[in-house]
């Protein structure tokens, strides 16, 4: 499993901040106090408070200066003061309604406030005024990515990089889109290019680590995530991704340590709970596994992987009724989840608790799972056969077990042998029972 964080960065790259105009369309007047220089100097030494104080003084002297309002709005947004930032941007745009840069920054603020339609309207307006407005293209590319419109996202990010080939933020974002599209070579190329510009770019290190993971290069993945952890010691994402890499390398102790440390930083992190739950489940530590799955379901009661995992853990712990309850919830909220429906049917057909088996219901569910997979999945056909056997219809059980064997022609030998053993069982008119594993 890989962790895919949101495309949108917490803040705009510093280059965008320093690139904001203080002349041209903003019509800055000569100032004896030289406010623009004071703001720039403060930003270059990363003194955001000093920059804001200089802007406050500038706006107090010139309350209708659109450049100063634009700049202060941008810096307020960096502080997370989005409502106050919008006040500045609205005032700047009222003074200069055809200012593409101001529209782009206001769109960014709307984007951070999760007001995506308003953000998109501002980006579109900015780009109608200036098709090469880099910030609008970049942010709109992120927004399209958030909405899973990856073609549009790539188009905008490609345009950014045509304007500025060394825009590392755009390279990192484009790499992430390629990763989400499973275009792994393209993703790796973008992350490498971004890291050639800034070897300490944590976002690109994390992205490259995720790409290596997707390629099966687990040791390289862990290496990049380790570098990212050093840069972002309080960010749980690289710790969790490294944990999955350790788990893929069968180093469960290191994986568990990373999941534990991530949950100390962020106790409600669903990905960390899920990863740790899976490790506990594989180690047959049912109680601990159930606790982690439950922690996910407290905040997201319909999460399909947690419902499935907890159902399996309940069954492993001998709590068949609870397992059936989780499968029922899964099927209710995810009616197209063929695997979950099949597993529910299998339990109803083969479970060892007599009072909880239900052959009729198992046949109904197994037919639904087979229908969802066009009657081609050998495992689901096997479940249907077991359901008919539980119902006492051994003629149908044999028919569907033979269909399962035909569908399993290219499956591993041990699976085919298992199916064959059930053919013999049904010929003896005996249903199949499976003890919890």
Protein backbone atom coordinates (compact mmCIF):
# COMPACT_ATOMS: atom_id res chain seq x y z
CA UNK A 1 0.00 0.00 0.00
CA UNK A 2 1.20 3.52 -0.67
CA UNK A 3 0.20 6.75 0.99
CA UNK A 4 -1.00 9.41 -1.45
CA UNK A 5 -1.31 12.78 0.29
CA UNK A 6 -3.34 15.59 -1.19
CA UNK A 7 -1.77 17.35 -4.14
CA UNK A 8 -2.28 20.77 -2.61
CA UNK A 9 0.66 22.05 -0.61
CA UNK A 10 0.16 23.71 2.75
CA UNK A 11 1.64 26.96 1.42
CA UNK A 12 2.54 28.27 -1.96
CA UNK A 13 6.22 27.88 -2.86
CA UNK A 14 8.32 30.81 -1.70
CA UNK A 15 9.19 31.67 -5.29
CA UNK A 16 5.56 32.61 -5.91
CA UNK A 17 5.55 34.87 -2.88
CA UNK A 18 8.69 36.74 -3.90
CA UNK A 19 7.48 37.03 -7.49
CA UNK A 20 4.37 39.06 -6.68
CA UNK A 21 4.36 42.29 -8.62
CA UNK A 22 4.89 45.62 -6.95
CA UNK A 23 4.64 47.70 -10.09
CA UNK A 24 3.00 47.62 -13.53
CA UNK A 25 -0.73 47.09 -13.23
CA UNK A 26 -0.59 47.85 -9.53
CA UNK A 27 0.69 51.37 -10.25
CA UNK A 28 2.94 51.72 -7.23
CA UNK A 29 3.90 55.31 -6.42
CA UNK A 30 7.33 56.43 -5.32
CA UNK A 31 7.50 56.33 -1.54
CA UNK A 32 9.97 58.13 0.66
CA UNK A 33 9.72 55.26 3.13
CA UNK A 34 10.47 52.79 0.30
CA UNK A 35 7.91 50.31 1.57
CA UNK A 36 8.36 47.79 -1.28
CA UNK A 37 12.06 47.45 -0.53
CA UNK A 38 11.34 46.99 3.17
CA UNK A 39 8.85 44.21 2.39
CA UNK A 40 11.23 42.48 -0.01
CA UNK A 41 14.13 42.69 2.42
CA UNK A 42 12.03 41.18 5.22
CA UNK A 43 10.88 38.33 2.97
CA UNK A 44 14.40 37.55 1.83
CA UNK A 45 15.47 37.11 5.44
CA UNK A 46 12.28 35.08 6.05
CA UNK A 47 10.93 37.65 8.51
CA UNK A 48 7.23 37.34 7.78
CA UNK A 49 6.25 39.47 10.80
CA UNK A 50 8.54 42.24 9.61
CA UNK A 51 7.10 42.05 6.10
CA UNK A 52 3.56 42.31 7.45
CA UNK A 53 4.47 45.28 9.64
CA UNK A 54 5.94 47.06 6.64
CA UNK A 55 2.80 46.30 4.62
CA UNK A 56 0.54 47.55 7.42
CA UNK A 57 2.49 50.81 7.46
CA UNK A 58 2.33 51.07 3.67
CA UNK A 59 -1.43 50.50 3.58
CA UNK A 60 -2.00 52.93 6.45
CA UNK A 61 -0.29 55.55 4.31
CA UNK A 62 -1.93 54.43 1.05
CA UNK A 63 -5.14 52.51 1.90
CA UNK A 64 -6.08 52.15 -1.77
CA UNK A 65 -2.78 50.87 -3.06
CA UNK A 66 -3.68 47.59 -4.82
CA UNK A 67 -0.10 46.26 -4.83
CA UNK A 68 0.22 46.56 -1.07
CA UNK A 69 -3.22 45.00 -0.52
CA UNK A 70 -2.35 42.13 -2.85
CA UNK A 71 0.92 41.45 -1.11
CA UNK A 72 -0.52 41.63 2.40
CA UNK A 73 -3.37 39.35 1.38
CA UNK A 74 -0.88 36.81 0.11
CA UNK A 75 1.17 36.90 3.31
CA UNK A 76 -1.94 36.72 5.48
CA UNK A 77 -2.92 33.63 3.55
CA UNK A 78 0.45 32.09 4.39
CA UNK A 79 -0.45 32.60 8.04
CA UNK A 80 -3.77 30.83 7.53
CA UNK A 81 -5.72 34.07 8.09
CA UNK A 82 -7.81 33.37 5.00
CA UNK A 83 -10.77 35.63 5.81
CA UNK A 84 -8.56 38.66 6.37
CA UNK A 85 -6.55 37.72 3.29
CA UNK A 86 -9.76 37.70 1.24
CA UNK A 87 -10.62 41.18 2.49
CA UNK A 88 -7.31 42.43 1.09
CA UNK A 89 -7.68 40.61 -2.22
CA UNK A 90 -11.27 41.72 -2.70
CA UNK A 91 -10.19 45.31 -2.13
CA UNK A 92 -7.26 44.95 -4.53
CA UNK A 93 -9.46 43.45 -7.26
CA UNK A 94 -12.10 46.14 -6.78
CA UNK A 95 -9.39 48.72 -7.44
CA UNK A 96 -7.87 46.79 -10.39
CA UNK A 97 -10.49 44.32 -11.68
CA UNK A 98 -8.33 43.18 -14.60
CA UNK A 99 -5.35 42.24 -12.45
CA UNK A 100 -4.67 38.59 -13.34
CA UNK A 101 -2.19 38.21 -10.52
CA UNK A 102 -4.65 39.36 -7.87
CA UNK A 103 -7.31 37.02 -9.24
CA UNK A 104 -4.85 34.14 -9.10
CA UNK A 105 -3.96 34.84 -5.47
CA UNK A 106 -7.61 35.20 -4.50
CA UNK A 107 -8.28 31.88 -6.20
CA UNK A 108 -5.51 30.33 -4.14
CA UNK A 109 -7.13 31.63 -0.96
CA UNK A 110 -10.51 30.22 -2.00
CA UNK A 111 -8.74 26.93 -2.70
CA UNK A 112 -7.26 26.86 0.80
CA UNK A 113 -10.72 27.57 2.23
CA UNK A 114 -12.04 24.55 0.28
CA UNK A 115 -14.22 26.87 -1.81
CA UNK A 116 -13.28 25.10 -5.00
CA UNK A 117 -15.87 26.52 -7.37
CA UNK A 118 -14.93 30.08 -6.41
CA UNK A 119 -11.25 29.18 -6.76
CA UNK A 120 -11.76 27.75 -10.23
CA UNK A 121 -13.72 30.82 -11.33
CA UNK A 122 -10.85 33.08 -10.25
CA UNK A 123 -8.20 30.94 -11.94
CA UNK A 124 -10.19 30.87 -15.17
CA UNK A 125 -10.69 34.64 -15.03
CA UNK A 126 -6.99 35.21 -14.41
CA UNK A 127 -6.00 33.01 -17.33
CA UNK A 128 -8.43 34.74 -19.68
CA UNK A 129 -6.56 37.94 -18.88
CA UNK A 130 -3.13 36.35 -19.02
CA UNK A 131 -2.85 32.77 -20.36
CA UNK A 132 0.65 32.54 -18.89
CA UNK A 133 -0.29 33.49 -15.33
CA UNK A 134 1.94 30.94 -13.65
CA UNK A 135 0.31 30.87 -10.24
CA UNK A 136 -3.19 30.41 -11.72
CA UNK A 137 -1.99 27.56 -13.92
CA UNK A 138 -0.19 25.88 -11.05
CA UNK A 139 -3.09 26.14 -8.60
CA UNK A 140 -5.67 25.15 -11.20
CA UNK A 141 -3.53 22.14 -12.01
CA UNK A 142 -3.61 21.17 -8.32
CA UNK A 143 -7.36 21.71 -8.18
CA UNK A 144 -7.96 19.51 -11.23
CA UNK A 145 -5.78 16.89 -9.58
CA UNK A 146 -7.79 17.08 -6.35
CA UNK A 147 -10.89 16.43 -8.45
CA UNK A 148 -9.20 13.47 -10.19
CA UNK A 149 -9.33 15.24 -13.57
CA UNK A 150 -5.79 14.17 -14.29
CA UNK A 151 -5.76 15.06 -17.99
CA UNK A 152 -6.68 18.68 -17.22
CA UNK A 153 -4.24 18.70 -14.30
CA UNK A 154 -1.36 17.56 -16.49
CA UNK A 155 -2.28 20.13 -19.11
CA UNK A 156 -1.99 22.99 -16.61
CA UNK A 157 1.19 21.68 -15.00
CA UNK A 158 2.79 21.13 -18.40
CA UNK A 159 1.97 24.74 -19.22
CA UNK A 160 3.62 25.92 -15.99
CA UNK A 161 6.77 24.02 -16.85
CA UNK A 162 6.83 25.43 -20.37
CA UNK A 163 6.90 28.87 -18.77
CA UNK A 164 9.39 27.89 -16.07
CA UNK A 165 11.14 24.55 -16.50
CA UNK A 166 12.76 24.84 -13.07
CA UNK A 167 9.53 25.23 -11.14
CA UNK A 168 10.17 22.45 -8.63
CA UNK A 169 6.69 22.72 -7.11
CA UNK A 170 5.09 22.08 -10.50
CA UNK A 171 7.49 19.20 -11.16
CA UNK A 172 6.58 17.65 -7.81
CA UNK A 173 2.85 18.11 -8.45
CA UNK A 174 3.10 16.68 -11.97
CA UNK A 175 5.09 13.74 -10.64
CA UNK A 176 2.31 13.04 -8.17
CA UNK A 177 -0.32 13.11 -10.92
CA UNK A 178 1.76 10.66 -12.95
CA UNK A 179 2.03 8.49 -9.85
CA UNK A 180 -1.74 8.50 -9.35
CA UNK A 181 -2.12 7.51 -13.02
CA UNK A 182 0.41 4.70 -12.48
CA UNK A 183 2.76 6.31 -15.03
CA UNK A 184 5.70 5.40 -12.85
CA UNK A 185 8.61 6.19 -15.18
CA UNK A 186 7.21 9.68 -15.84
CA UNK A 187 6.62 10.20 -12.12
CA UNK A 188 10.18 9.15 -11.29
CA UNK A 189 11.55 11.50 -13.93
CA UNK A 190 9.65 14.47 -12.49
CA UNK A 191 10.65 13.77 -8.89
CA UNK A 192 14.30 13.32 -9.92
CA UNK A 193 14.22 16.60 -11.84
CA UNK A 194 12.70 18.40 -8.86
CA UNK A 195 15.36 16.96 -6.57
CA UNK A 196 18.08 18.07 -8.96
CA UNK A 197 16.86 21.61 -8.30
CA UNK A 198 16.51 21.13 -4.55
CA UNK A 199 17.92 17.93 -3.08
CA UNK A 200 16.18 18.68 0.22
CA UNK A 201 12.67 19.03 -1.16
CA UNK A 202 10.75 16.78 1.22
CA UNK A 203 7.64 16.57 -0.95
CA UNK A 204 9.68 15.27 -3.88
CA UNK A 205 11.53 12.81 -1.66
CA UNK A 206 8.20 11.47 -0.39
CA UNK A 207 6.83 11.30 -3.92
CA UNK A 208 9.87 9.47 -5.21
CA UNK A 209 9.70 7.10 -2.26
CA UNK A 210 6.07 6.31 -3.12
CA UNK A 211 7.04 5.76 -6.74
CA UNK A 212 9.83 3.37 -5.76
CA UNK A 213 7.31 1.53 -3.58
CA UNK A 214 4.91 1.20 -6.51
CA UNK A 215 7.79 -0.18 -8.60
CA UNK A 216 8.63 -2.76 -5.94
CA UNK A 217 11.90 -0.98 -5.05
CA UNK A 218 11.16 -1.14 -1.34
CA UNK A 219 14.68 -0.47 -0.05
CA UNK A 220 14.96 2.68 -2.17
CA UNK A 221 11.50 3.72 -1.00
CA UNK A 222 12.52 3.39 2.65
CA UNK A 223 15.70 5.38 1.94
CA UNK A 224 13.83 8.34 0.46
CA UNK A 225 11.24 8.33 3.22
CA UNK A 226 14.05 8.28 5.80
CA UNK A 227 15.51 11.41 4.19
CA UNK A 228 12.08 13.04 4.27
CA UNK A 229 11.64 12.18 7.95
CA UNK A 230 14.88 13.97 8.77
CA UNK A 231 13.54 17.08 7.04
CA UNK A 232 9.99 16.75 8.45
CA UNK A 233 10.32 14.95 11.80
CA UNK A 234 6.74 15.77 12.84
CA UNK A 235 5.07 14.81 9.55
CA UNK A 236 3.53 11.35 9.80
CA UNK A 237 3.33 10.71 6.05
CA UNK A 238 6.94 9.62 5.40
CA UNK A 239 6.92 7.50 8.57
CA UNK A 240 3.79 5.68 7.43
CA UNK A 241 5.07 5.18 3.89
CA UNK A 242 8.37 3.86 5.24
CA UNK A 243 6.43 1.49 7.49
CA UNK A 244 4.68 0.01 4.46
CA UNK A 245 8.06 -0.35 2.75
CA UNK A 246 9.46 -2.19 5.81
CA UNK A 247 6.39 -4.43 5.82
CA UNK A 248 6.89 -5.23 2.13
CA UNK A 249 10.45 -6.24 2.98
CA UNK A 250 9.06 -8.52 5.75
CA UNK A 251 10.67 -6.41 8.47
CA UNK A 252 7.58 -6.27 10.65
CA UNK A 253 9.41 -4.96 13.73
CA UNK A 254 10.61 -1.83 11.94
CA UNK A 255 7.20 -1.40 10.30
CA UNK A 256 5.49 -1.60 13.69
CA UNK A 257 7.91 0.94 15.16
CA UNK A 258 7.10 3.42 12.41
CA UNK A 259 3.35 2.92 12.74
CA UNK A 260 3.63 3.36 16.51
CA UNK A 261 5.70 6.53 16.20
CA UNK A 262 3.27 7.97 13.62
CA UNK A 263 0.35 7.35 15.97
CA UNK A 264 2.18 9.08 18.82
CA UNK A 265 2.39 12.17 16.61
CA UNK A 266 -1.12 11.84 15.17
CA UNK A 267 -3.25 9.43 17.24
CA UNK A 268 -6.21 9.43 14.85
CA UNK A 269 -4.29 8.78 11.63
CA UNK A 270 -6.31 6.22 9.68
CA UNK A 271 -3.46 5.03 7.45
CA UNK A 272 -1.25 4.26 10.45
CA UNK A 273 -4.07 2.46 12.24
CA UNK A 274 -4.78 0.45 9.10
CA UNK A 275 -1.16 -0.54 8.56
CA UNK A 276 -0.74 -1.58 12.17
CA UNK A 277 -4.06 -3.46 12.12
CA UNK A 278 -2.88 -5.44 9.09
CA UNK A 279 0.37 -6.37 10.84
CA UNK A 280 -1.53 -7.47 13.93
CA UNK A 281 -3.98 -9.47 11.81
CA UNK A 282 -1.21 -11.24 9.89
CA UNK A 283 0.34 -12.11 13.26
CA UNK A 284 -3.07 -13.42 14.47
CA UNK A 285 -3.19 -10.81 17.22
CA UNK A 286 -6.93 -10.50 16.80
CA UNK A 287 -7.72 -8.24 19.76
CA UNK A 288 -5.11 -5.64 18.81
CA UNK A 289 -6.07 -5.83 15.14
CA UNK A 290 -9.75 -5.31 15.91
CA UNK A 291 -8.91 -2.30 18.09
CA UNK A 292 -7.04 -0.56 15.26
CA UNK A 293 -9.73 -1.28 12.65
CA UNK A 294 -12.32 0.02 15.11
CA UNK A 295 -10.36 3.23 15.60
CA UNK A 296 -10.70 3.88 11.87
CA UNK A 297 -14.41 3.04 11.85
CA UNK A 298 -15.16 5.42 14.73
CA UNK A 299 -14.45 8.37 12.44
CA UNK A 300 -15.24 6.68 9.12
CA UNK A 301 -17.85 3.97 9.76
CA UNK A 302 -18.15 3.01 6.10
CA UNK A 303 -14.42 2.58 5.33
CA UNK A 304 -14.37 -0.63 3.25
CA UNK A 305 -10.87 -1.89 4.03
CA UNK A 306 -11.39 -1.45 7.76
CA UNK A 307 -14.75 -3.24 7.63
CA UNK A 308 -13.24 -6.11 5.65
CA UNK A 309 -10.18 -6.36 7.86
CA UNK A 310 -12.21 -6.27 11.07
CA UNK A 311 -14.60 -8.91 9.73
CA UNK A 312 -11.64 -11.22 9.02
CA UNK A 313 -10.18 -10.52 12.45
CA UNK A 314 -13.51 -11.15 14.18
CA UNK A 315 -13.78 -14.46 12.34
CA UNK A 316 -10.21 -15.35 13.26
CA UNK A 317 -11.08 -14.64 16.89
CA UNK A 318 -14.08 -16.96 16.63
CA UNK A 319 -16.58 -14.08 16.71
CA UNK A 320 -18.56 -15.15 13.67
CA UNK A 321 -21.65 -13.07 14.46
CA UNK A 322 -19.57 -9.88 14.63
CA UNK A 323 -17.82 -10.83 11.40
CA UNK A 324 -21.18 -11.28 9.68
CA UNK A 325 -22.27 -7.88 10.98
CA UNK A 326 -19.24 -6.18 9.43
CA UNK A 327 -19.81 -7.92 6.10
CA UNK A 328 -23.46 -6.85 6.14
CA UNK A 329 -22.43 -3.22 6.76
CA UNK A 330 -19.85 -3.45 3.98
CA UNK A 331 -22.39 -4.78 1.48
CA UNK A 332 -24.94 -2.15 2.48
CA UNK A 333 -22.61 0.77 1.86
CA UNK A 334 -20.52 -0.76 -0.95
CA UNK A 335 -22.93 -2.84 -3.04
CA UNK A 336 -20.43 -3.12 -5.90
CA UNK A 337 -17.71 -4.61 -3.69
CA UNK A 338 -17.69 -8.13 -5.11
CA UNK A 339 -14.93 -9.32 -2.78
CA UNK A 340 -16.76 -8.28 0.38
CA UNK A 341 -20.03 -9.79 -0.82
CA UNK A 342 -18.23 -13.03 -1.71
CA UNK A 343 -16.55 -13.20 1.69
CA UNK A 344 -19.89 -12.71 3.43
CA UNK A 345 -21.39 -15.53 1.34
CA UNK A 346 -18.43 -17.80 2.10
CA UNK A 347 -18.83 -17.30 5.81
CA UNK A 348 -22.57 -17.99 5.67
CA UNK A 349 -21.89 -21.14 3.65
CA UNK A 350 -18.84 -22.60 5.40
CA UNK A 351 -18.68 -21.19 8.94
CA UNK A 352 -18.50 -23.64 11.83
CA UNK A 353 -21.25 -22.00 13.91
CA UNK A 354 -24.32 -23.98 12.94
CA UNK A 355 -26.87 -21.41 14.03
CA UNK A 356 -25.34 -18.66 11.91
CA UNK A 357 -25.01 -20.45 8.58
CA UNK A 358 -27.63 -19.58 5.95
CA UNK A 359 -27.39 -21.47 2.65
CA UNK A 360 -30.21 -19.56 0.98
CA UNK A 361 -28.69 -16.16 1.77
CA UNK A 362 -25.24 -17.45 0.82
CA UNK A 363 -26.48 -18.50 -2.65
CA UNK A 364 -28.08 -15.09 -3.15
CA UNK A 365 -24.89 -13.24 -2.18
CA UNK A 366 -22.57 -15.55 -4.13
CA UNK A 367 -24.68 -15.08 -7.26
CA UNK A 368 -24.38 -11.31 -6.80
CA UNK A 369 -20.58 -11.53 -6.49
CA UNK A 370 -20.39 -13.75 -9.58
CA UNK A 371 -22.62 -11.39 -11.51
CA UNK A 372 -20.40 -8.43 -10.61
CA UNK A 373 -17.41 -10.32 -12.04
CA UNK A 374 -19.21 -11.71 -15.12
CA UNK A 375 -19.11 -15.28 -13.75
CA UNK A 376 -15.39 -15.55 -14.48
CA UNK A 377 -13.86 -15.50 -10.99
CA UNK A 378 -12.93 -19.01 -9.90
CA UNK A 379 -12.97 -18.15 -6.21
CA UNK A 380 -16.45 -16.69 -6.36
CA UNK A 381 -17.77 -19.68 -8.33
CA UNK A 382 -16.25 -21.87 -5.62
CA UNK A 383 -18.20 -19.87 -3.02
CA UNK A 384 -21.40 -20.39 -4.98
CA UNK A 385 -20.76 -24.13 -5.01
CA UNK A 386 -20.20 -24.12 -1.24
CA UNK A 387 -23.42 -22.13 -0.76
CA UNK A 388 -25.45 -24.69 -2.72
CA UNK A 389 -23.81 -27.47 -0.70
CA UNK A 390 -24.84 -25.76 2.54
CA UNK A 391 -28.35 -25.50 1.13
CA UNK A 392 -28.31 -29.27 0.42
CA UNK A 393 -28.36 -28.92 -3.37
CA UNK A 394 -25.28 -31.01 -4.15
CA UNK A 395 -26.10 -31.31 -7.86
CA UNK A 396 -25.78 -27.53 -8.21
CA UNK A 397 -22.76 -27.57 -5.92
CA UNK A 398 -20.95 -29.98 -8.24
CA UNK A 399 -21.96 -27.98 -11.31
CA UNK A 400 -20.49 -24.76 -9.96
CA UNK A 401 -17.40 -26.41 -8.45
CA UNK A 402 -16.60 -27.81 -11.89
CA UNK A 403 -17.17 -24.33 -13.35
CA UNK A 404 -14.76 -22.98 -10.75
CA UNK A 405 -12.14 -25.53 -11.78
CA UNK A 406 -12.53 -24.58 -15.43
CA UNK A 407 -12.12 -20.89 -14.56
CA UNK A 408 -9.04 -21.75 -12.45
CA UNK A 409 -7.13 -23.33 -15.31
CA UNK A 410 -4.31 -20.76 -15.05
CA UNK A 411 -4.39 -20.47 -11.24
CA UNK A 412 -1.66 -21.95 -8.98
CA UNK A 413 -1.68 -25.72 -8.51
CA UNK A 414 -2.48 -25.56 -4.81
CA UNK A 415 -5.68 -23.65 -5.53
CA UNK A 416 -6.74 -26.12 -8.21
CA UNK A 417 -6.05 -29.01 -5.83
CA UNK A 418 -8.21 -27.37 -3.17
CA UNK A 419 -11.09 -26.99 -5.63
CA UNK A 420 -10.70 -30.63 -6.68
CA UNK A 421 -10.93 -31.75 -3.05
CA UNK A 422 -14.31 -30.05 -2.76
CA UNK A 423 -15.55 -31.85 -5.86
CA UNK A 424 -14.92 -35.12 -4.02
CA UNK A 425 -16.65 -33.78 -0.90
CA UNK A 426 -19.79 -32.75 -2.76
CA UNK A 427 -19.94 -36.09 -4.54
CA UNK A 428 -20.20 -37.58 -1.06
CA UNK A 429 -23.04 -35.08 -0.38
CA UNK A 430 -21.09 -33.35 2.36
CA UNK A 431 -20.94 -29.55 2.77
CA UNK A 432 -17.60 -27.81 3.23
CA UNK A 433 -16.65 -26.35 6.62
CA UNK A 434 -13.73 -24.01 7.20
CA UNK A 435 -12.21 -23.52 10.62
CA UNK A 436 -11.03 -19.98 11.42
CA UNK A 437 -7.41 -19.52 10.41
